Structure formats: structure tokens, C-alpha cells
Amino acid sequence: MSDKRPNPVQFRDQIIESALSARQSAGESPGMTACRDLDRYYTLLARALGMVSLAPNEALAICDALNGSRMDATSAAFLWAEIADALPDGLAAKWDIDGPALVARLHALPLTQSLAIVDAVERWWRLPEDAGDDETRLRAVGLIR
């Protein structure tokens, strides 16, 4: 029987390689370090998202506004601006939300919570269509409880 595991994750980014090297213990492979650090990061995201309170329609509005967007650690700090930019196009009316109030709440979030929302939205868009109705899918990724 052959080993059918996927290829290992590899990093070719100099900054990431340097960061891994700085965190790598003696006898630990870069992959082990990356795995440990990703575990920490995903735990941080889950806890940060757990501190965010969104109504279902607010979460759906955010998903709608970020559809097709690519956000990194820098741009996630401006999640609020992405939503503000979508308001003139009718986002608030479409989802029956108070758009300016949502923007103000998002603007006040720490970066970890903005990153957690962006991560959850990306996972929401990757869910299969048969994963349930919108609220079930929002719960599955932690955008609502």
C-alpha cells in the first residue's frame, strides 16, 4: 500500500522562512515549527472571533461585501473601510442593517478580531452549497453563535 498523503507544506517566502528559523527549537524541523505556530494562530483566531458579536444579517452583509476580496494581515485592519465602501451600493438596505453602526463597531475592533472575521468569511465562501442555509453556514464558521 502506497503512502497517499499530500505533499508537505513548503514555504518559499524569505520573511516566513526567517520567522520560522527564529522560532525553531533545536532538533525541530521547520514543518514542526510551522505546525505549532499555525495551531497557535488558529486558536487565536477562534478566540478572537468568539469575542465578536454579529447579527446574522450583519455577518451576511460582511460576507457579501468581501465576496472576491483578498485581504492580508495589513488590509484586514481596514475591514471596516471595505464595508463602508459597499454602503453606497445598497449593502445596508439589501441586508436590512444599520450600515454606519456596523462600520463603527468594525472600526473599533482590534486587528485580531478583524483578521478572525476575514478568515471566517473566507471559510464561509468555501463551504459547499449543500452545507445548509445561510445561518447554519454562518454558525459553522463562527460568524454567529
N, C-alpha and C. Protein backbone atom coordinates (compact mmCIF):
# COMPACT_ATOMS: atom_id res chain seq x y z
N MET A 1 0.85 -1.18 0.00
CA MET A 1 0.00 0.00 0.00
C MET A 1 0.90 1.24 0.00
N SER A 2 0.64 2.16 -0.89
CA SER A 2 1.48 3.35 -1.00
C SER A 2 0.97 4.45 -0.09
N ASP A 3 1.87 5.35 0.26
CA ASP A 3 1.54 6.49 1.09
C ASP A 3 0.86 7.54 0.21
N LYS A 4 -0.40 7.87 0.50
CA LYS A 4 -1.16 8.80 -0.34
C LYS A 4 -1.36 10.14 0.35
N ARG A 5 -0.51 10.45 1.32
CA ARG A 5 -0.61 11.75 1.98
C ARG A 5 -0.21 12.84 0.99
N PRO A 6 -0.82 14.02 1.15
CA PRO A 6 -0.44 15.12 0.25
C PRO A 6 1.00 15.55 0.52
N ASN A 7 1.55 16.25 -0.44
CA ASN A 7 2.91 16.77 -0.29
C ASN A 7 2.98 17.67 0.94
N PRO A 8 4.13 17.71 1.59
CA PRO A 8 4.25 18.59 2.75
C PRO A 8 4.15 20.06 2.34
N VAL A 9 3.73 20.86 3.28
CA VAL A 9 3.67 22.30 3.04
C VAL A 9 5.08 22.84 3.01
N GLN A 10 5.35 23.70 2.04
CA GLN A 10 6.67 24.30 1.94
C GLN A 10 6.51 25.80 1.81
N PHE A 11 7.47 26.52 2.40
CA PHE A 11 7.45 27.97 2.34
C PHE A 11 8.62 28.45 1.51
N ARG A 12 8.34 29.34 0.60
CA ARG A 12 9.39 29.89 -0.24
C ARG A 12 9.54 31.40 -0.01
N ASP A 13 8.85 31.88 0.97
CA ASP A 13 8.88 33.30 1.30
C ASP A 13 10.00 33.55 2.29
N GLN A 14 10.90 34.44 1.95
CA GLN A 14 12.07 34.73 2.78
C GLN A 14 11.68 35.21 4.18
N ILE A 15 10.65 36.04 4.26
CA ILE A 15 10.23 36.57 5.56
C ILE A 15 9.68 35.45 6.44
N ILE A 16 8.87 34.56 5.85
CA ILE A 16 8.31 33.45 6.62
C ILE A 16 9.42 32.48 7.03
N GLU A 17 10.32 32.20 6.11
CA GLU A 17 11.44 31.30 6.45
C GLU A 17 12.26 31.87 7.60
N SER A 18 12.51 33.16 7.58
CA SER A 18 13.26 33.81 8.63
C SER A 18 12.50 33.75 9.96
N ALA A 19 11.20 34.00 9.90
CA ALA A 19 10.38 33.95 11.11
C ALA A 19 10.35 32.54 11.69
N LEU A 20 10.25 31.52 10.83
CA LEU A 20 10.27 30.14 11.30
C LEU A 20 11.62 29.82 11.94
N SER A 21 12.67 30.23 11.29
CA SER A 21 14.01 29.96 11.80
C SER A 21 14.21 30.56 13.19
N ALA A 22 13.70 31.76 13.40
CA ALA A 22 13.83 32.43 14.68
C ALA A 22 13.05 31.73 15.79
N ARG A 23 12.06 30.93 15.41
CA ARG A 23 11.20 30.25 16.38
C ARG A 23 11.49 28.75 16.50
N GLN A 24 12.39 28.27 15.70
CA GLN A 24 12.67 26.83 15.61
C GLN A 24 13.59 26.38 16.75
N SER A 25 13.14 25.38 17.48
CA SER A 25 13.95 24.80 18.56
C SER A 25 14.95 23.81 17.98
N ALA A 26 16.00 23.53 18.73
CA ALA A 26 16.99 22.53 18.30
C ALA A 26 16.29 21.19 18.08
N GLY A 27 16.59 20.56 16.97
CA GLY A 27 16.01 19.26 16.66
C GLY A 27 14.61 19.34 16.08
N GLU A 28 14.08 20.52 15.93
CA GLU A 28 12.73 20.69 15.40
C GLU A 28 12.83 21.09 13.93
N SER A 29 12.04 20.45 13.10
CA SER A 29 12.04 20.79 11.68
C SER A 29 11.24 22.08 11.46
N PRO A 30 11.48 22.76 10.35
CA PRO A 30 10.66 23.94 10.04
C PRO A 30 9.17 23.59 9.98
N GLY A 31 8.86 22.39 9.47
CA GLY A 31 7.47 21.96 9.40
C GLY A 31 6.84 21.82 10.77
N MET A 32 7.58 21.29 11.72
CA MET A 32 7.07 21.15 13.09
C MET A 32 6.83 22.53 13.70
N THR A 33 7.75 23.44 13.44
CA THR A 33 7.60 24.81 13.95
C THR A 33 6.38 25.47 13.33
N ALA A 34 6.23 25.33 12.02
CA ALA A 34 5.08 25.91 11.32
C ALA A 34 3.77 25.32 11.84
N CYS A 35 3.75 24.02 12.07
CA CYS A 35 2.54 23.35 12.58
C CYS A 35 2.17 23.90 13.96
N ARG A 36 3.16 24.01 14.83
CA ARG A 36 2.93 24.55 16.18
C ARG A 36 2.41 25.98 16.09
N ASP A 37 3.06 26.79 15.25
CA ASP A 37 2.68 28.19 15.14
C ASP A 37 1.30 28.36 14.50
N LEU A 38 0.97 27.54 13.52
CA LEU A 38 -0.36 27.60 12.92
C LEU A 38 -1.43 27.19 13.93
N ASP A 39 -1.12 26.21 14.78
CA ASP A 39 -2.05 25.83 15.84
C ASP A 39 -2.31 27.02 16.75
N ARG A 40 -1.25 27.72 17.12
CA ARG A 40 -1.41 28.92 17.95
C ARG A 40 -2.25 29.97 17.24
N TYR A 41 -1.94 30.20 15.97
CA TYR A 41 -2.64 31.21 15.19
C TYR A 41 -4.13 30.88 15.05
N TYR A 42 -4.44 29.64 14.72
CA TYR A 42 -5.84 29.26 14.57
C TYR A 42 -6.59 29.32 15.89
N THR A 43 -5.91 29.00 16.99
CA THR A 43 -6.52 29.13 18.31
C THR A 43 -6.81 30.60 18.60
N LEU A 44 -5.85 31.46 18.29
CA LEU A 44 -6.03 32.89 18.48
C LEU A 44 -7.22 33.41 17.66
N LEU A 45 -7.31 32.98 16.41
CA LEU A 45 -8.43 33.41 15.57
C LEU A 45 -9.77 32.96 16.15
N ALA A 46 -9.83 31.71 16.60
CA ALA A 46 -11.09 31.19 17.16
C ALA A 46 -11.50 31.98 18.40
N ARG A 47 -10.54 32.26 19.26
CA ARG A 47 -10.86 33.02 20.48
C ARG A 47 -11.24 34.45 20.14
N ALA A 48 -10.55 35.06 19.21
CA ALA A 48 -10.87 36.43 18.82
C ALA A 48 -12.26 36.50 18.20
N LEU A 49 -12.58 35.53 17.35
CA LEU A 49 -13.91 35.51 16.72
C LEU A 49 -15.00 35.30 17.76
N GLY A 50 -14.69 34.52 18.79
CA GLY A 50 -15.66 34.30 19.86
C GLY A 50 -16.01 35.56 20.64
N MET A 51 -15.20 36.59 20.54
CA MET A 51 -15.46 37.86 21.22
C MET A 51 -16.22 38.85 20.34
N VAL A 52 -16.49 38.45 19.10
CA VAL A 52 -17.22 39.32 18.17
C VAL A 52 -18.69 38.93 18.18
N SER A 53 -19.53 39.92 18.24
CA SER A 53 -20.97 39.66 18.23
C SER A 53 -21.59 40.31 16.99
N LEU A 54 -22.04 39.46 16.09
CA LEU A 54 -22.69 39.93 14.87
C LEU A 54 -24.08 39.33 14.76
N ALA A 55 -25.03 40.11 14.30
CA ALA A 55 -26.34 39.59 13.95
C ALA A 55 -26.19 38.85 12.63
N PRO A 56 -27.04 37.87 12.37
CA PRO A 56 -26.93 37.13 11.11
C PRO A 56 -26.88 38.02 9.87
N ASN A 57 -27.73 39.04 9.79
CA ASN A 57 -27.72 39.90 8.61
C ASN A 57 -26.46 40.75 8.52
N GLU A 58 -25.88 41.11 9.66
CA GLU A 58 -24.60 41.83 9.63
C GLU A 58 -23.50 40.92 9.09
N ALA A 59 -23.49 39.68 9.56
CA ALA A 59 -22.49 38.73 9.08
C ALA A 59 -22.66 38.48 7.58
N LEU A 60 -23.90 38.35 7.13
CA LEU A 60 -24.15 38.13 5.70
C LEU A 60 -23.74 39.35 4.88
N ALA A 61 -23.96 40.53 5.41
CA ALA A 61 -23.54 41.75 4.72
C ALA A 61 -22.02 41.79 4.57
N ILE A 62 -21.31 41.39 5.63
CA ILE A 62 -19.85 41.36 5.56
C ILE A 62 -19.40 40.33 4.52
N CYS A 63 -20.02 39.16 4.54
CA CYS A 63 -19.69 38.14 3.54
C CYS A 63 -19.94 38.66 2.13
N ASP A 64 -21.04 39.31 1.95
CA ASP A 64 -21.40 39.87 0.65
C ASP A 64 -20.36 40.91 0.21
N ALA A 65 -20.02 41.82 1.11
CA ALA A 65 -19.08 42.89 0.76
C ALA A 65 -17.69 42.36 0.45
N LEU A 66 -17.30 41.26 1.10
CA LEU A 66 -15.95 40.72 0.90
C LEU A 66 -15.89 39.66 -0.19
N ASN A 67 -17.00 39.37 -0.83
CA ASN A 67 -17.02 38.36 -1.88
C ASN A 67 -15.99 38.70 -2.96
N GLY A 68 -15.02 37.83 -3.12
CA GLY A 68 -13.99 38.03 -4.13
C GLY A 68 -12.82 38.88 -3.67
N SER A 69 -12.90 39.44 -2.46
CA SER A 69 -11.79 40.25 -1.95
C SER A 69 -10.67 39.36 -1.43
N ARG A 70 -9.47 39.87 -1.56
CA ARG A 70 -8.30 39.19 -0.98
C ARG A 70 -7.73 40.13 0.07
N MET A 71 -7.79 39.67 1.31
CA MET A 71 -7.30 40.52 2.39
C MET A 71 -6.14 39.82 3.09
N ASP A 72 -5.09 40.59 3.34
CA ASP A 72 -3.95 40.05 4.08
C ASP A 72 -3.93 40.69 5.47
N ALA A 73 -2.86 40.45 6.21
CA ALA A 73 -2.78 40.96 7.57
C ALA A 73 -2.84 42.48 7.63
N THR A 74 -2.35 43.14 6.61
CA THR A 74 -2.39 44.60 6.60
C THR A 74 -3.78 45.11 6.22
N SER A 75 -4.33 44.59 5.15
CA SER A 75 -5.63 45.09 4.69
C SER A 75 -6.78 44.69 5.62
N ALA A 76 -6.63 43.62 6.37
CA ALA A 76 -7.69 43.21 7.31
C ALA A 76 -7.95 44.28 8.36
N ALA A 77 -6.95 45.09 8.64
CA ALA A 77 -7.13 46.20 9.59
C ALA A 77 -8.15 47.21 9.07
N PHE A 78 -8.39 47.15 7.77
CA PHE A 78 -9.32 48.08 7.14
C PHE A 78 -10.61 47.39 6.71
N LEU A 79 -10.96 46.31 7.42
CA LEU A 79 -12.23 45.62 7.17
C LEU A 79 -13.38 46.62 7.22
N TRP A 80 -13.37 47.47 8.20
CA TRP A 80 -14.43 48.48 8.34
C TRP A 80 -14.56 49.34 7.08
N ALA A 81 -13.44 49.67 6.44
CA ALA A 81 -13.47 50.51 5.25
C ALA A 81 -14.07 49.77 4.06
N GLU A 82 -13.81 48.47 3.99
CA GLU A 82 -14.42 47.66 2.91
C GLU A 82 -15.93 47.70 3.02
N ILE A 83 -16.43 47.61 4.25
CA ILE A 83 -17.88 47.64 4.47
C ILE A 83 -18.40 49.05 4.18
N ALA A 84 -17.68 50.07 4.64
CA ALA A 84 -18.09 51.45 4.38
C ALA A 84 -18.15 51.73 2.89
N ASP A 85 -17.20 51.20 2.14
CA ASP A 85 -17.18 51.40 0.69
C ASP A 85 -18.38 50.74 0.00
N ALA A 86 -18.91 49.69 0.60
CA ALA A 86 -20.04 48.98 -0.02
C ALA A 86 -21.39 49.60 0.34
N LEU A 87 -21.43 50.47 1.33
CA LEU A 87 -22.70 51.06 1.74
C LEU A 87 -23.38 51.88 0.65
N PRO A 88 -22.65 52.72 -0.09
CA PRO A 88 -23.33 53.49 -1.15
C PRO A 88 -23.95 52.62 -2.25
N ASP A 89 -23.49 51.38 -2.34
CA ASP A 89 -24.05 50.47 -3.34
C ASP A 89 -25.28 49.72 -2.84
N GLY A 90 -25.77 50.08 -1.65
CA GLY A 90 -27.01 49.48 -1.15
C GLY A 90 -26.83 48.30 -0.22
N LEU A 91 -25.64 48.09 0.30
CA LEU A 91 -25.40 46.94 1.17
C LEU A 91 -26.32 46.93 2.39
N ALA A 92 -26.46 48.07 3.06
CA ALA A 92 -27.27 48.14 4.27
C ALA A 92 -28.74 47.84 3.98
N ALA A 93 -29.25 48.41 2.90
CA ALA A 93 -30.65 48.16 2.54
C ALA A 93 -30.86 46.70 2.15
N LYS A 94 -29.93 46.14 1.40
CA LYS A 94 -30.05 44.75 0.95
C LYS A 94 -30.16 43.80 2.14
N TRP A 95 -29.38 44.06 3.19
CA TRP A 95 -29.34 43.15 4.33
C TRP A 95 -30.11 43.69 5.53
N ASP A 96 -30.79 44.81 5.37
CA ASP A 96 -31.61 45.40 6.43
C ASP A 96 -30.80 45.57 7.73
N ILE A 97 -29.68 46.29 7.59
CA ILE A 97 -28.81 46.54 8.74
C ILE A 97 -28.55 48.04 8.86
N ASP A 98 -28.07 48.44 10.01
CA ASP A 98 -27.61 49.81 10.21
C ASP A 98 -26.14 49.84 9.79
N GLY A 99 -25.92 50.20 8.54
CA GLY A 99 -24.57 50.17 7.97
C GLY A 99 -23.56 51.02 8.72
N PRO A 100 -23.87 52.29 8.98
CA PRO A 100 -22.89 53.12 9.70
C PRO A 100 -22.57 52.58 11.10
N ALA A 101 -23.54 52.01 11.78
CA ALA A 101 -23.28 51.44 13.11
C ALA A 101 -22.37 50.23 13.00
N LEU A 102 -22.58 49.40 11.99
CA LEU A 102 -21.72 48.24 11.79
C LEU A 102 -20.29 48.69 11.47
N VAL A 103 -20.16 49.67 10.61
CA VAL A 103 -18.84 50.19 10.26
C VAL A 103 -18.14 50.72 11.52
N ALA A 104 -18.85 51.45 12.35
CA ALA A 104 -18.27 51.99 13.58
C ALA A 104 -17.80 50.86 14.51
N ARG A 105 -18.62 49.83 14.65
CA ARG A 105 -18.23 48.69 15.51
C ARG A 105 -17.01 47.98 14.95
N LEU A 106 -16.98 47.78 13.62
CA LEU A 106 -15.83 47.11 13.00
C LEU A 106 -14.57 47.97 13.12
N HIS A 107 -14.73 49.27 13.01
CA HIS A 107 -13.59 50.18 13.11
C HIS A 107 -12.95 50.10 14.51
N ALA A 108 -13.74 49.82 15.51
CA ALA A 108 -13.26 49.77 16.90
C ALA A 108 -12.60 48.43 17.25
N LEU A 109 -12.71 47.43 16.37
CA LEU A 109 -12.17 46.11 16.68
C LEU A 109 -10.64 46.10 16.65
N PRO A 110 -10.03 45.31 17.53
CA PRO A 110 -8.59 45.10 17.40
C PRO A 110 -8.30 44.26 16.15
N LEU A 111 -7.07 44.34 15.69
CA LEU A 111 -6.67 43.63 14.47
C LEU A 111 -6.97 42.13 14.56
N THR A 112 -6.77 41.52 15.71
CA THR A 112 -7.01 40.07 15.81
C THR A 112 -8.45 39.73 15.48
N GLN A 113 -9.39 40.55 15.93
CA GLN A 113 -10.80 40.27 15.65
C GLN A 113 -11.13 40.54 14.18
N SER A 114 -10.53 41.56 13.60
CA SER A 114 -10.75 41.80 12.17
C SER A 114 -10.19 40.65 11.34
N LEU A 115 -9.00 40.18 11.69
CA LEU A 115 -8.41 39.03 11.00
C LEU A 115 -9.30 37.80 11.15
N ALA A 116 -9.85 37.61 12.34
CA ALA A 116 -10.71 36.45 12.59
C ALA A 116 -11.97 36.51 11.73
N ILE A 117 -12.55 37.69 11.59
CA ILE A 117 -13.74 37.84 10.74
C ILE A 117 -13.38 37.55 9.29
N VAL A 118 -12.28 38.11 8.82
CA VAL A 118 -11.85 37.89 7.43
C VAL A 118 -11.63 36.39 7.19
N ASP A 119 -10.96 35.72 8.11
CA ASP A 119 -10.72 34.28 7.99
C ASP A 119 -12.03 33.51 7.93
N ALA A 120 -12.98 33.86 8.80
CA ALA A 120 -14.27 33.17 8.83
C ALA A 120 -15.05 33.40 7.54
N VAL A 121 -15.00 34.63 7.03
CA VAL A 121 -15.69 34.93 5.77
C VAL A 121 -15.09 34.11 4.63
N GLU A 122 -13.78 34.01 4.57
CA GLU A 122 -13.14 33.20 3.53
C GLU A 122 -13.57 31.74 3.64
N ARG A 123 -13.65 31.23 4.87
CA ARG A 123 -14.10 29.84 5.05
C ARG A 123 -15.57 29.70 4.69
N TRP A 124 -16.38 30.72 4.98
CA TRP A 124 -17.80 30.69 4.65
C TRP A 124 -17.98 30.55 3.13
N TRP A 125 -17.21 31.32 2.37
CA TRP A 125 -17.33 31.25 0.91
C TRP A 125 -16.84 29.91 0.36
N ARG A 126 -16.02 29.19 1.11
CA ARG A 126 -15.51 27.90 0.64
C ARG A 126 -16.41 26.72 1.02
N LEU A 127 -17.41 26.97 1.86
CA LEU A 127 -18.31 25.88 2.24
C LEU A 127 -19.10 25.40 1.01
N PRO A 128 -19.37 24.11 0.94
CA PRO A 128 -20.20 23.62 -0.17
C PRO A 128 -21.62 24.19 -0.05
N GLU A 129 -22.24 24.37 -1.19
CA GLU A 129 -23.59 24.95 -1.19
C GLU A 129 -24.59 24.11 -0.42
N ASP A 130 -24.33 22.83 -0.31
CA ASP A 130 -25.27 21.96 0.41
C ASP A 130 -24.95 21.88 1.90
N ALA A 131 -24.17 22.82 2.41
CA ALA A 131 -23.79 22.82 3.83
C ALA A 131 -24.86 23.43 4.72
N GLY A 132 -26.03 23.69 4.17
CA GLY A 132 -27.14 24.23 4.97
C GLY A 132 -27.51 25.63 4.55
N ASP A 133 -28.49 26.19 5.28
CA ASP A 133 -28.92 27.55 4.97
C ASP A 133 -27.86 28.54 5.44
N ASP A 134 -28.08 29.81 5.15
CA ASP A 134 -27.08 30.83 5.48
C ASP A 134 -26.71 30.83 6.95
N GLU A 135 -27.71 30.78 7.85
CA GLU A 135 -27.41 30.83 9.28
C GLU A 135 -26.63 29.60 9.74
N THR A 136 -26.94 28.45 9.21
CA THR A 136 -26.20 27.23 9.55
C THR A 136 -24.75 27.38 9.12
N ARG A 137 -24.54 27.92 7.94
CA ARG A 137 -23.18 28.11 7.43
C ARG A 137 -22.44 29.18 8.24
N LEU A 138 -23.13 30.26 8.63
CA LEU A 138 -22.51 31.29 9.46
C LEU A 138 -22.07 30.71 10.80
N ARG A 139 -22.91 29.86 11.37
CA ARG A 139 -22.56 29.20 12.64
C ARG A 139 -21.37 28.26 12.46
N ALA A 140 -21.35 27.56 11.34
CA ALA A 140 -20.28 26.58 11.09
C ALA A 140 -18.89 27.23 11.09
N VAL A 141 -18.81 28.47 10.65
CA VAL A 141 -17.53 29.17 10.61
C VAL A 141 -17.33 30.11 11.78
N GLY A 142 -18.33 30.22 12.66
CA GLY A 142 -18.20 31.02 13.87
C GLY A 142 -18.58 32.49 13.74
N LEU A 143 -19.16 32.90 12.62
CA LEU A 143 -19.54 34.30 12.47
C LEU A 143 -20.75 34.67 13.33
N ILE A 144 -21.58 33.69 13.63
CA ILE A 144 -22.66 33.87 14.60
C ILE A 144 -22.66 32.65 15.52
N ARG A 145 -23.28 32.82 16.67
CA ARG A 145 -23.36 31.69 17.61
C ARG A 145 -24.74 31.10 17.63
